All heavy atoms as atom14 arrays in JSON, in Angstrom:
{
  "sequence": "RARLRGPHGDEHVAAGYVLGADGGRSHTRSQLGITMQGRSHDD",
  "atom14_mask": [
    [1, 1, 1, 1, 1, 1, 1, 1, 1, 1, 1, 0, 0, 0],
    [1, 1, 1, 1, 1, 0, 0, 0, 0, 0, 0, 0, 0, 0],
    [1, 1, 1, 1, 1, 1, 1, 1, 1, 1, 1, 0, 0, 0],
    [1, 1, 1, 1, 1, 1, 1, 1, 0, 0, 0, 0, 0, 0],
    [1, 1, 1, 1, 1, 1, 1, 1, 1, 1, 1, 0, 0, 0],
    [1, 1, 1, 1, 0, 0, 0, 0, 0, 0, 0, 0, 0, 0],
    [1, 1, 1, 1, 1, 1, 1, 0, 0, 0, 0, 0, 0, 0],
    [1, 1, 1, 1, 1, 1, 1, 1, 1, 1, 0, 0, 0, 0],
    [1, 1, 1, 1, 0, 0, 0, 0, 0, 0, 0, 0, 0, 0],
    [1, 1, 1, 1, 1, 1, 1, 1, 0, 0, 0, 0, 0, 0],
    [1, 1, 1, 1, 1, 1, 1, 1, 1, 0, 0, 0, 0, 0],
    [1, 1, 1, 1, 1, 1, 1, 1, 1, 1, 0, 0, 0, 0],
    [1, 1, 1, 1, 1, 1, 1, 0, 0, 0, 0, 0, 0, 0],
    [1, 1, 1, 1, 1, 0, 0, 0, 0, 0, 0, 0, 0, 0],
    [1, 1, 1, 1, 1, 0, 0, 0, 0, 0, 0, 0, 0, 0],
    [1, 1, 1, 1, 0, 0, 0, 0, 0, 0, 0, 0, 0, 0],
    [1, 1, 1, 1, 1, 1, 1, 1, 1, 1, 1, 1, 0, 0],
    [1, 1, 1, 1, 1, 1, 1, 0, 0, 0, 0, 0, 0, 0],
    [1, 1, 1, 1, 1, 1, 1, 1, 0, 0, 0, 0, 0, 0],
    [1, 1, 1, 1, 0, 0, 0, 0, 0, 0, 0, 0, 0, 0],
    [1, 1, 1, 1, 1, 0, 0, 0, 0, 0, 0, 0, 0, 0],
    [1, 1, 1, 1, 1, 1, 1, 1, 0, 0, 0, 0, 0, 0],
    [1, 1, 1, 1, 0, 0, 0, 0, 0, 0, 0, 0, 0, 0],
    [1, 1, 1, 1, 0, 0, 0, 0, 0, 0, 0, 0, 0, 0],
    [1, 1, 1, 1, 1, 1, 1, 1, 1, 1, 1, 0, 0, 0],
    [1, 1, 1, 1, 1, 1, 0, 0, 0, 0, 0, 0, 0, 0],
    [1, 1, 1, 1, 1, 1, 1, 1, 1, 1, 0, 0, 0, 0],
    [1, 1, 1, 1, 1, 1, 1, 0, 0, 0, 0, 0, 0, 0],
    [1, 1, 1, 1, 1, 1, 1, 1, 1, 1, 1, 0, 0, 0],
    [1, 1, 1, 1, 1, 1, 0, 0, 0, 0, 0, 0, 0, 0],
    [1, 1, 1, 1, 1, 1, 1, 1, 1, 0, 0, 0, 0, 0],
    [1, 1, 1, 1, 1, 1, 1, 1, 0, 0, 0, 0, 0, 0],
    [1, 1, 1, 1, 0, 0, 0, 0, 0, 0, 0, 0, 0, 0],
    [1, 1, 1, 1, 1, 1, 1, 1, 0, 0, 0, 0, 0, 0],
    [1, 1, 1, 1, 1, 1, 1, 0, 0, 0, 0, 0, 0, 0],
    [1, 1, 1, 1, 1, 1, 1, 1, 0, 0, 0, 0, 0, 0],
    [1, 1, 1, 1, 1, 1, 1, 1, 1, 0, 0, 0, 0, 0],
    [1, 1, 1, 1, 0, 0, 0, 0, 0, 0, 0, 0, 0, 0],
    [1, 1, 1, 1, 1, 1, 1, 1, 1, 1, 1, 0, 0, 0],
    [1, 1, 1, 1, 1, 1, 0, 0, 0, 0, 0, 0, 0, 0],
    [1, 1, 1, 1, 1, 1, 1, 1, 1, 1, 0, 0, 0, 0],
    [1, 1, 1, 1, 1, 1, 1, 1, 0, 0, 0, 0, 0, 0],
    [1, 1, 1, 1, 1, 1, 1, 1, 0, 0, 0, 0, 0, 0]
  ],
  "atom14_positions": [
    [[93.72, 108.54, 47.15], [94.59, 108.31, 48.29], [95.35, 107.02, 48.04], [94.78, 106.05, 47.53], [93.8, 108.22, 49.59], [93.39, 109.58, 50.14], [92.25, 109.47, 51.1], [91.06, 108.92, 50.45], [90.27, 109.59, 49.61], [90.56, 110.85, 49.32], [89.23, 109.02, 49.06], [0.0, 0.0, 0.0], [0.0, 0.0, 0.0], [0.0, 0.0, 0.0]],
    [[96.62, 107.02, 48.41], [97.45, 105.85, 48.18], [98.28, 105.56, 49.42], [98.71, 106.48, 50.13], [98.37, 106.06, 46.98], [0.0, 0.0, 0.0], [0.0, 0.0, 0.0], [0.0, 0.0, 0.0], [0.0, 0.0, 0.0], [0.0, 0.0, 0.0], [0.0, 0.0, 0.0], [0.0, 0.0, 0.0], [0.0, 0.0, 0.0], [0.0, 0.0, 0.0]],
    [[98.47, 104.26, 49.67], [99.41, 103.84, 50.72], [100.71, 103.44, 50.05], [100.73, 102.56, 49.19], [98.84, 102.68, 51.54], [99.79, 102.24, 52.68], [99.07, 101.39, 53.7], [98.65, 100.12, 53.17], [99.37, 98.98, 53.27], [100.57, 99.0, 53.87], [98.92, 97.85, 52.78], [0.0, 0.0, 0.0], [0.0, 0.0, 0.0], [0.0, 0.0, 0.0]],
    [[101.76, 104.12, 50.43], [103.08, 103.89, 49.86], [103.97, 103.2, 50.88], [103.84, 103.42, 52.08], [103.73, 105.21, 49.43], [102.92, 106.14, 48.52], [103.72, 107.4, 48.24], [102.53, 105.44, 47.23], [0.0, 0.0, 0.0], [0.0, 0.0, 0.0], [0.0, 0.0, 0.0], [0.0, 0.0, 0.0], [0.0, 0.0, 0.0], [0.0, 0.0, 0.0]],
    [[104.88, 102.39, 50.4], [105.89, 101.8, 51.28], [107.27, 102.14, 50.72], [107.65, 101.74, 49.63], [105.73, 100.29, 51.37], [106.81, 99.59, 52.2], [106.39, 98.18, 52.57], [105.21, 98.21, 53.44], [104.45, 97.12, 53.71], [104.76, 95.95, 53.16], [103.41, 97.23, 54.5], [0.0, 0.0, 0.0], [0.0, 0.0, 0.0], [0.0, 0.0, 0.0]],
    [[108.0, 102.93, 51.49], [109.32, 103.37, 51.08], [110.38, 102.96, 52.07], [110.14, 102.16, 52.98], [0.0, 0.0, 0.0], [0.0, 0.0, 0.0], [0.0, 0.0, 0.0], [0.0, 0.0, 0.0], [0.0, 0.0, 0.0], [0.0, 0.0, 0.0], [0.0, 0.0, 0.0], [0.0, 0.0, 0.0], [0.0, 0.0, 0.0], [0.0, 0.0, 0.0]],
    [[111.57, 103.53, 51.95], [112.69, 103.17, 52.83], [112.41, 103.42, 54.31], [113.0, 102.78, 55.17], [113.84, 104.05, 52.33], [113.47, 104.4, 50.92], [111.98, 104.48, 50.9], [0.0, 0.0, 0.0], [0.0, 0.0, 0.0], [0.0, 0.0, 0.0], [0.0, 0.0, 0.0], [0.0, 0.0, 0.0], [0.0, 0.0, 0.0], [0.0, 0.0, 0.0]],
    [[111.49, 104.34, 54.61], [111.22, 104.7, 56.01], [109.86, 104.2, 56.48], [109.31, 104.72, 57.46], [111.31, 106.22, 56.18], [112.62, 106.78, 55.73], [113.82, 106.49, 56.35], [112.92, 107.59, 54.69], [114.8, 107.11, 55.72], [114.29, 107.78, 54.71], [0.0, 0.0, 0.0], [0.0, 0.0, 0.0], [0.0, 0.0, 0.0], [0.0, 0.0, 0.0]],
    [[109.31, 103.2, 55.78], [108.04, 102.63, 56.21], [106.87, 103.08, 55.36], [107.04, 103.6, 54.25], [0.0, 0.0, 0.0], [0.0, 0.0, 0.0], [0.0, 0.0, 0.0], [0.0, 0.0, 0.0], [0.0, 0.0, 0.0], [0.0, 0.0, 0.0], [0.0, 0.0, 0.0], [0.0, 0.0, 0.0], [0.0, 0.0, 0.0], [0.0, 0.0, 0.0]],
    [[105.66, 102.87, 55.89], [104.44, 103.18, 55.16], [104.05, 104.64, 55.33], [104.32, 105.27, 56.35], [103.3, 102.28, 55.62], [103.46, 100.85, 55.13], [104.53, 100.54, 54.57], [102.53, 100.05, 55.32], [0.0, 0.0, 0.0], [0.0, 0.0, 0.0], [0.0, 0.0, 0.0], [0.0, 0.0, 0.0], [0.0, 0.0, 0.0], [0.0, 0.0, 0.0]],
    [[103.37, 105.15, 54.29], [102.93, 106.54, 54.29], [101.66, 106.63, 53.46], [101.52, 105.97, 52.44], [104.01, 107.43, 53.69], [103.61, 108.88, 53.53], [104.66, 109.7, 52.8], [105.66, 109.12, 52.36], [104.45, 110.92, 52.65], [0.0, 0.0, 0.0], [0.0, 0.0, 0.0], [0.0, 0.0, 0.0], [0.0, 0.0, 0.0], [0.0, 0.0, 0.0]],
    [[100.72, 107.44, 53.89], [99.49, 107.7, 53.13], [99.59, 109.07, 52.48], [99.96, 110.05, 53.13], [98.27, 107.63, 54.05], [97.97, 106.24, 54.53], [98.6, 105.69, 55.62], [97.12, 105.29, 54.04], [98.15, 104.46, 55.81], [97.25, 104.19, 54.87], [0.0, 0.0, 0.0], [0.0, 0.0, 0.0], [0.0, 0.0, 0.0], [0.0, 0.0, 0.0]],
    [[99.33, 109.12, 51.2], [99.39, 110.39, 50.47], [98.07, 110.61, 49.74], [97.34, 109.66, 49.42], [100.55, 110.42, 49.45], [101.89, 110.24, 50.16], [100.36, 109.36, 48.38], [0.0, 0.0, 0.0], [0.0, 0.0, 0.0], [0.0, 0.0, 0.0], [0.0, 0.0, 0.0], [0.0, 0.0, 0.0], [0.0, 0.0, 0.0], [0.0, 0.0, 0.0]],
    [[97.77, 111.88, 49.5], [96.57, 112.26, 48.76], [96.97, 113.1, 47.56], [97.96, 113.84, 47.6], [95.61, 113.03, 49.66], [0.0, 0.0, 0.0], [0.0, 0.0, 0.0], [0.0, 0.0, 0.0], [0.0, 0.0, 0.0], [0.0, 0.0, 0.0], [0.0, 0.0, 0.0], [0.0, 0.0, 0.0], [0.0, 0.0, 0.0], [0.0, 0.0, 0.0]],
    [[96.21, 112.99, 46.49], [96.44, 113.78, 45.28], [95.12, 113.93, 44.54], [94.12, 113.26, 44.87], [97.5, 113.13, 44.39], [0.0, 0.0, 0.0], [0.0, 0.0, 0.0], [0.0, 0.0, 0.0], [0.0, 0.0, 0.0], [0.0, 0.0, 0.0], [0.0, 0.0, 0.0], [0.0, 0.0, 0.0], [0.0, 0.0, 0.0], [0.0, 0.0, 0.0]],
    [[95.13, 114.78, 43.54], [93.91, 114.95, 42.75], [93.68, 113.81, 41.8], [92.54, 113.35, 41.6], [0.0, 0.0, 0.0], [0.0, 0.0, 0.0], [0.0, 0.0, 0.0], [0.0, 0.0, 0.0], [0.0, 0.0, 0.0], [0.0, 0.0, 0.0], [0.0, 0.0, 0.0], [0.0, 0.0, 0.0], [0.0, 0.0, 0.0], [0.0, 0.0, 0.0]],
    [[94.79, 113.3, 41.2], [94.69, 112.24, 40.19], [95.9, 111.32, 40.32], [96.94, 111.69, 40.87], [94.65, 112.84, 38.78], [93.44, 113.71, 38.53], [93.48, 115.08, 38.8], [92.25, 113.16, 38.07], [92.36, 115.87, 38.59], [91.12, 113.95, 37.86], [91.19, 115.31, 38.13], [90.08, 116.09, 37.93], [0.0, 0.0, 0.0], [0.0, 0.0, 0.0]],
    [[95.75, 110.1, 39.79], [96.86, 109.15, 39.77], [97.06, 108.66, 38.34], [96.09, 108.4, 37.61], [96.59, 107.96, 40.73], [95.35, 107.17, 40.32], [97.81, 107.03, 40.78], [0.0, 0.0, 0.0], [0.0, 0.0, 0.0], [0.0, 0.0, 0.0], [0.0, 0.0, 0.0], [0.0, 0.0, 0.0], [0.0, 0.0, 0.0], [0.0, 0.0, 0.0]],
    [[98.33, 108.56, 37.93], [98.69, 108.03, 36.62], [99.48, 106.75, 36.83], [100.5, 106.76, 37.52], [99.54, 109.03, 35.83], [99.03, 110.48, 35.71], [99.92, 111.26, 34.76], [97.59, 110.52, 35.27], [0.0, 0.0, 0.0], [0.0, 0.0, 0.0], [0.0, 0.0, 0.0], [0.0, 0.0, 0.0], [0.0, 0.0, 0.0], [0.0, 0.0, 0.0]],
    [[99.02, 105.67, 36.23], [99.73, 104.4, 36.31], [100.62, 104.22, 35.09], [100.12, 103.95, 33.99], [0.0, 0.0, 0.0], [0.0, 0.0, 0.0], [0.0, 0.0, 0.0], [0.0, 0.0, 0.0], [0.0, 0.0, 0.0], [0.0, 0.0, 0.0], [0.0, 0.0, 0.0], [0.0, 0.0, 0.0], [0.0, 0.0, 0.0], [0.0, 0.0, 0.0]],
    [[101.92, 104.37, 35.29], [102.9, 104.16, 34.22], [103.87, 103.08, 34.69], [105.08, 103.17, 34.45], [103.63, 105.46, 33.9], [0.0, 0.0, 0.0], [0.0, 0.0, 0.0], [0.0, 0.0, 0.0], [0.0, 0.0, 0.0], [0.0, 0.0, 0.0], [0.0, 0.0, 0.0], [0.0, 0.0, 0.0], [0.0, 0.0, 0.0], [0.0, 0.0, 0.0]],
    [[103.31, 102.06, 35.35], [104.13, 101.06, 36.02], [104.21, 99.74, 35.26], [104.3, 98.67, 35.85], [103.65, 100.83, 37.46], [102.14, 100.69, 37.58], [101.42, 101.01, 36.63], [101.67, 100.26, 38.65], [0.0, 0.0, 0.0], [0.0, 0.0, 0.0], [0.0, 0.0, 0.0], [0.0, 0.0, 0.0], [0.0, 0.0, 0.0], [0.0, 0.0, 0.0]],
    [[104.19, 99.81, 33.93], [104.55, 98.66, 33.1], [103.46, 97.63, 32.88], [102.32, 97.77, 33.33], [0.0, 0.0, 0.0], [0.0, 0.0, 0.0], [0.0, 0.0, 0.0], [0.0, 0.0, 0.0], [0.0, 0.0, 0.0], [0.0, 0.0, 0.0], [0.0, 0.0, 0.0], [0.0, 0.0, 0.0], [0.0, 0.0, 0.0], [0.0, 0.0, 0.0]],
    [[103.85, 96.57, 32.16], [102.89, 95.56, 31.74], [102.23, 94.82, 32.87], [101.09, 94.35, 32.74], [0.0, 0.0, 0.0], [0.0, 0.0, 0.0], [0.0, 0.0, 0.0], [0.0, 0.0, 0.0], [0.0, 0.0, 0.0], [0.0, 0.0, 0.0], [0.0, 0.0, 0.0], [0.0, 0.0, 0.0], [0.0, 0.0, 0.0], [0.0, 0.0, 0.0]],
    [[102.9, 94.69, 34.02], [102.3, 94.04, 35.2], [101.78, 95.09, 36.17], [101.83, 94.91, 37.38], [103.34, 93.15, 35.88], [103.8, 91.97, 35.03], [104.72, 91.07, 35.83], [105.09, 89.87, 35.08], [106.16, 89.77, 34.3], [106.95, 90.83, 34.15], [106.44, 88.66, 33.67], [0.0, 0.0, 0.0], [0.0, 0.0, 0.0], [0.0, 0.0, 0.0]],
    [[101.22, 96.15, 35.64], [100.81, 97.33, 36.4], [99.95, 97.01, 37.62], [98.85, 96.46, 37.51], [100.05, 98.29, 35.48], [99.47, 99.34, 36.21], [0.0, 0.0, 0.0], [0.0, 0.0, 0.0], [0.0, 0.0, 0.0], [0.0, 0.0, 0.0], [0.0, 0.0, 0.0], [0.0, 0.0, 0.0], [0.0, 0.0, 0.0], [0.0, 0.0, 0.0]],
    [[100.46, 97.38, 38.79], [99.67, 97.27, 40.02], [98.59, 98.34, 40.04], [97.5, 98.13, 40.58], [100.58, 97.39, 41.24], [99.88, 97.21, 42.54], [99.15, 96.09, 42.85], [99.78, 98.03, 43.63], [98.64, 96.19, 44.07], [98.99, 97.37, 44.56], [0.0, 0.0, 0.0], [0.0, 0.0, 0.0], [0.0, 0.0, 0.0], [0.0, 0.0, 0.0]],
    [[98.88, 99.5, 39.45], [97.87, 100.56, 39.37], [96.66, 100.07, 38.58], [95.51, 100.3, 38.98], [98.45, 101.81, 38.71], [99.67, 102.18, 39.36], [97.47, 102.97, 38.77], [0.0, 0.0, 0.0], [0.0, 0.0, 0.0], [0.0, 0.0, 0.0], [0.0, 0.0, 0.0], [0.0, 0.0, 0.0], [0.0, 0.0, 0.0], [0.0, 0.0, 0.0]],
    [[96.92, 99.41, 37.45], [95.81, 98.87, 36.64], [94.97, 97.91, 37.46], [93.73, 97.94, 37.41], [96.38, 98.17, 35.4], [95.31, 97.72, 34.42], [95.93, 97.09, 33.18], [96.64, 95.86, 33.49], [97.9, 95.6, 33.11], [98.58, 96.49, 32.41], [98.48, 94.46, 33.44], [0.0, 0.0, 0.0], [0.0, 0.0, 0.0], [0.0, 0.0, 0.0]],
    [[95.61, 97.05, 38.23], [94.88, 96.11, 39.08], [94.06, 96.84, 40.13], [92.89, 96.5, 40.37], [95.88, 95.15, 39.75], [95.23, 94.29, 40.65], [0.0, 0.0, 0.0], [0.0, 0.0, 0.0], [0.0, 0.0, 0.0], [0.0, 0.0, 0.0], [0.0, 0.0, 0.0], [0.0, 0.0, 0.0], [0.0, 0.0, 0.0], [0.0, 0.0, 0.0]],
    [[94.65, 97.85, 40.76], [93.93, 98.61, 41.79], [92.75, 99.38, 41.21], [91.74, 99.58, 41.9], [94.89, 99.59, 42.48], [95.92, 98.92, 43.38], [95.3, 98.4, 44.67], [94.82, 99.18, 45.49], [95.31, 97.09, 44.84], [0.0, 0.0, 0.0], [0.0, 0.0, 0.0], [0.0, 0.0, 0.0], [0.0, 0.0, 0.0], [0.0, 0.0, 0.0]],
    [[92.85, 99.78, 39.96], [91.74, 100.48, 39.3], [90.68, 99.52, 38.76], [89.64, 99.95, 38.26], [92.27, 101.36, 38.16], [93.13, 102.56, 38.57], [93.72, 103.24, 37.33], [92.33, 103.56, 39.39], [0.0, 0.0, 0.0], [0.0, 0.0, 0.0], [0.0, 0.0, 0.0], [0.0, 0.0, 0.0], [0.0, 0.0, 0.0], [0.0, 0.0, 0.0]],
    [[90.96, 98.21, 38.83], [89.99, 97.22, 38.36], [89.86, 97.16, 36.86], [88.79, 96.82, 36.34], [0.0, 0.0, 0.0], [0.0, 0.0, 0.0], [0.0, 0.0, 0.0], [0.0, 0.0, 0.0], [0.0, 0.0, 0.0], [0.0, 0.0, 0.0], [0.0, 0.0, 0.0], [0.0, 0.0, 0.0], [0.0, 0.0, 0.0], [0.0, 0.0, 0.0]],
    [[90.92, 97.47, 36.13], [90.89, 97.49, 34.66], [91.57, 96.22, 34.15], [92.63, 95.82, 34.65], [91.6, 98.74, 34.12], [90.86, 100.01, 34.58], [91.68, 98.7, 32.6], [91.57, 101.3, 34.2], [0.0, 0.0, 0.0], [0.0, 0.0, 0.0], [0.0, 0.0, 0.0], [0.0, 0.0, 0.0], [0.0, 0.0, 0.0], [0.0, 0.0, 0.0]],
    [[90.98, 95.6, 33.16], [91.54, 94.39, 32.56], [92.1, 94.7, 31.16], [91.87, 95.78, 30.61], [90.49, 93.29, 32.45], [89.39, 93.76, 31.65], [89.97, 92.9, 33.83], [0.0, 0.0, 0.0], [0.0, 0.0, 0.0], [0.0, 0.0, 0.0], [0.0, 0.0, 0.0], [0.0, 0.0, 0.0], [0.0, 0.0, 0.0], [0.0, 0.0, 0.0]],
    [[92.83, 93.74, 30.6], [93.39, 93.89, 29.26], [92.8, 92.84, 28.35], [92.34, 91.77, 28.8], [94.91, 93.77, 29.28], [95.59, 94.79, 30.16], [97.38, 94.92, 29.84], [97.39, 96.1, 28.48], [0.0, 0.0, 0.0], [0.0, 0.0, 0.0], [0.0, 0.0, 0.0], [0.0, 0.0, 0.0], [0.0, 0.0, 0.0], [0.0, 0.0, 0.0]],
    [[92.8, 93.13, 27.07], [92.33, 92.17, 26.08], [93.33, 92.08, 24.93], [94.06, 93.02, 24.66], [90.95, 92.56, 25.56], [90.88, 93.9, 24.87], [89.45, 94.28, 24.5], [88.49, 93.82, 25.09], [89.33, 95.14, 23.49], [0.0, 0.0, 0.0], [0.0, 0.0, 0.0], [0.0, 0.0, 0.0], [0.0, 0.0, 0.0], [0.0, 0.0, 0.0]],
    [[93.36, 90.94, 24.28], [94.32, 90.69, 23.22], [94.94, 89.32, 23.42], [94.35, 88.44, 24.04], [0.0, 0.0, 0.0], [0.0, 0.0, 0.0], [0.0, 0.0, 0.0], [0.0, 0.0, 0.0], [0.0, 0.0, 0.0], [0.0, 0.0, 0.0], [0.0, 0.0, 0.0], [0.0, 0.0, 0.0], [0.0, 0.0, 0.0], [0.0, 0.0, 0.0]],
    [[96.15, 89.14, 22.92], [96.77, 87.84, 23.04], [98.29, 87.95, 23.05], [98.86, 88.96, 22.64], [96.35, 86.93, 21.89], [96.93, 87.3, 20.52], [96.34, 86.43, 19.44], [96.98, 86.64, 18.14], [98.0, 85.93, 17.69], [98.51, 84.96, 18.44], [98.53, 86.15, 16.49], [0.0, 0.0, 0.0], [0.0, 0.0, 0.0], [0.0, 0.0, 0.0]],
    [[98.92, 86.89, 23.55], [100.37, 86.77, 23.48], [100.72, 85.9, 22.28], [99.91, 85.07, 21.84], [100.92, 86.16, 24.76], [100.64, 87.0, 25.87], [0.0, 0.0, 0.0], [0.0, 0.0, 0.0], [0.0, 0.0, 0.0], [0.0, 0.0, 0.0], [0.0, 0.0, 0.0], [0.0, 0.0, 0.0], [0.0, 0.0, 0.0], [0.0, 0.0, 0.0]],
    [[101.92, 86.06, 21.75], [102.33, 85.35, 20.55], [103.29, 84.22, 20.9], [104.12, 84.34, 21.81], [102.97, 86.32, 19.56], [102.0, 87.36, 19.07], [101.3, 87.23, 17.9], [101.59, 88.54, 19.62], [100.51, 88.28, 17.74], [100.67, 89.09, 18.76], [0.0, 0.0, 0.0], [0.0, 0.0, 0.0], [0.0, 0.0, 0.0], [0.0, 0.0, 0.0]],
    [[103.17, 83.13, 20.17], [103.97, 81.94, 20.48], [105.43, 82.08, 20.07], [106.3, 81.4, 20.63], [103.35, 80.7, 19.78], [101.99, 80.34, 20.34], [101.74, 80.66, 21.52], [101.17, 79.76, 19.6], [0.0, 0.0, 0.0], [0.0, 0.0, 0.0], [0.0, 0.0, 0.0], [0.0, 0.0, 0.0], [0.0, 0.0, 0.0], [0.0, 0.0, 0.0]],
    [[105.72, 82.9, 19.06], [107.09, 83.03, 18.58], [108.02, 83.49, 19.7], [107.67, 84.38, 20.48], [107.17, 84.04, 17.44], [106.21, 83.7, 16.3], [105.79, 82.55, 16.23], [105.9, 84.61, 15.51], [0.0, 0.0, 0.0], [0.0, 0.0, 0.0], [0.0, 0.0, 0.0], [0.0, 0.0, 0.0], [0.0, 0.0, 0.0], [0.0, 0.0, 0.0]]
  ]
}
């Protein structure tokens, strides 16, 4: 279940599964409690 905020306000939706394809600062990843490992480069 997800709470969405769109042009007409908030809405709750349900689905079987969720896919987070929302980029490097993924809010989905944060909501799923998943962390990343590795490093950033100085160049």
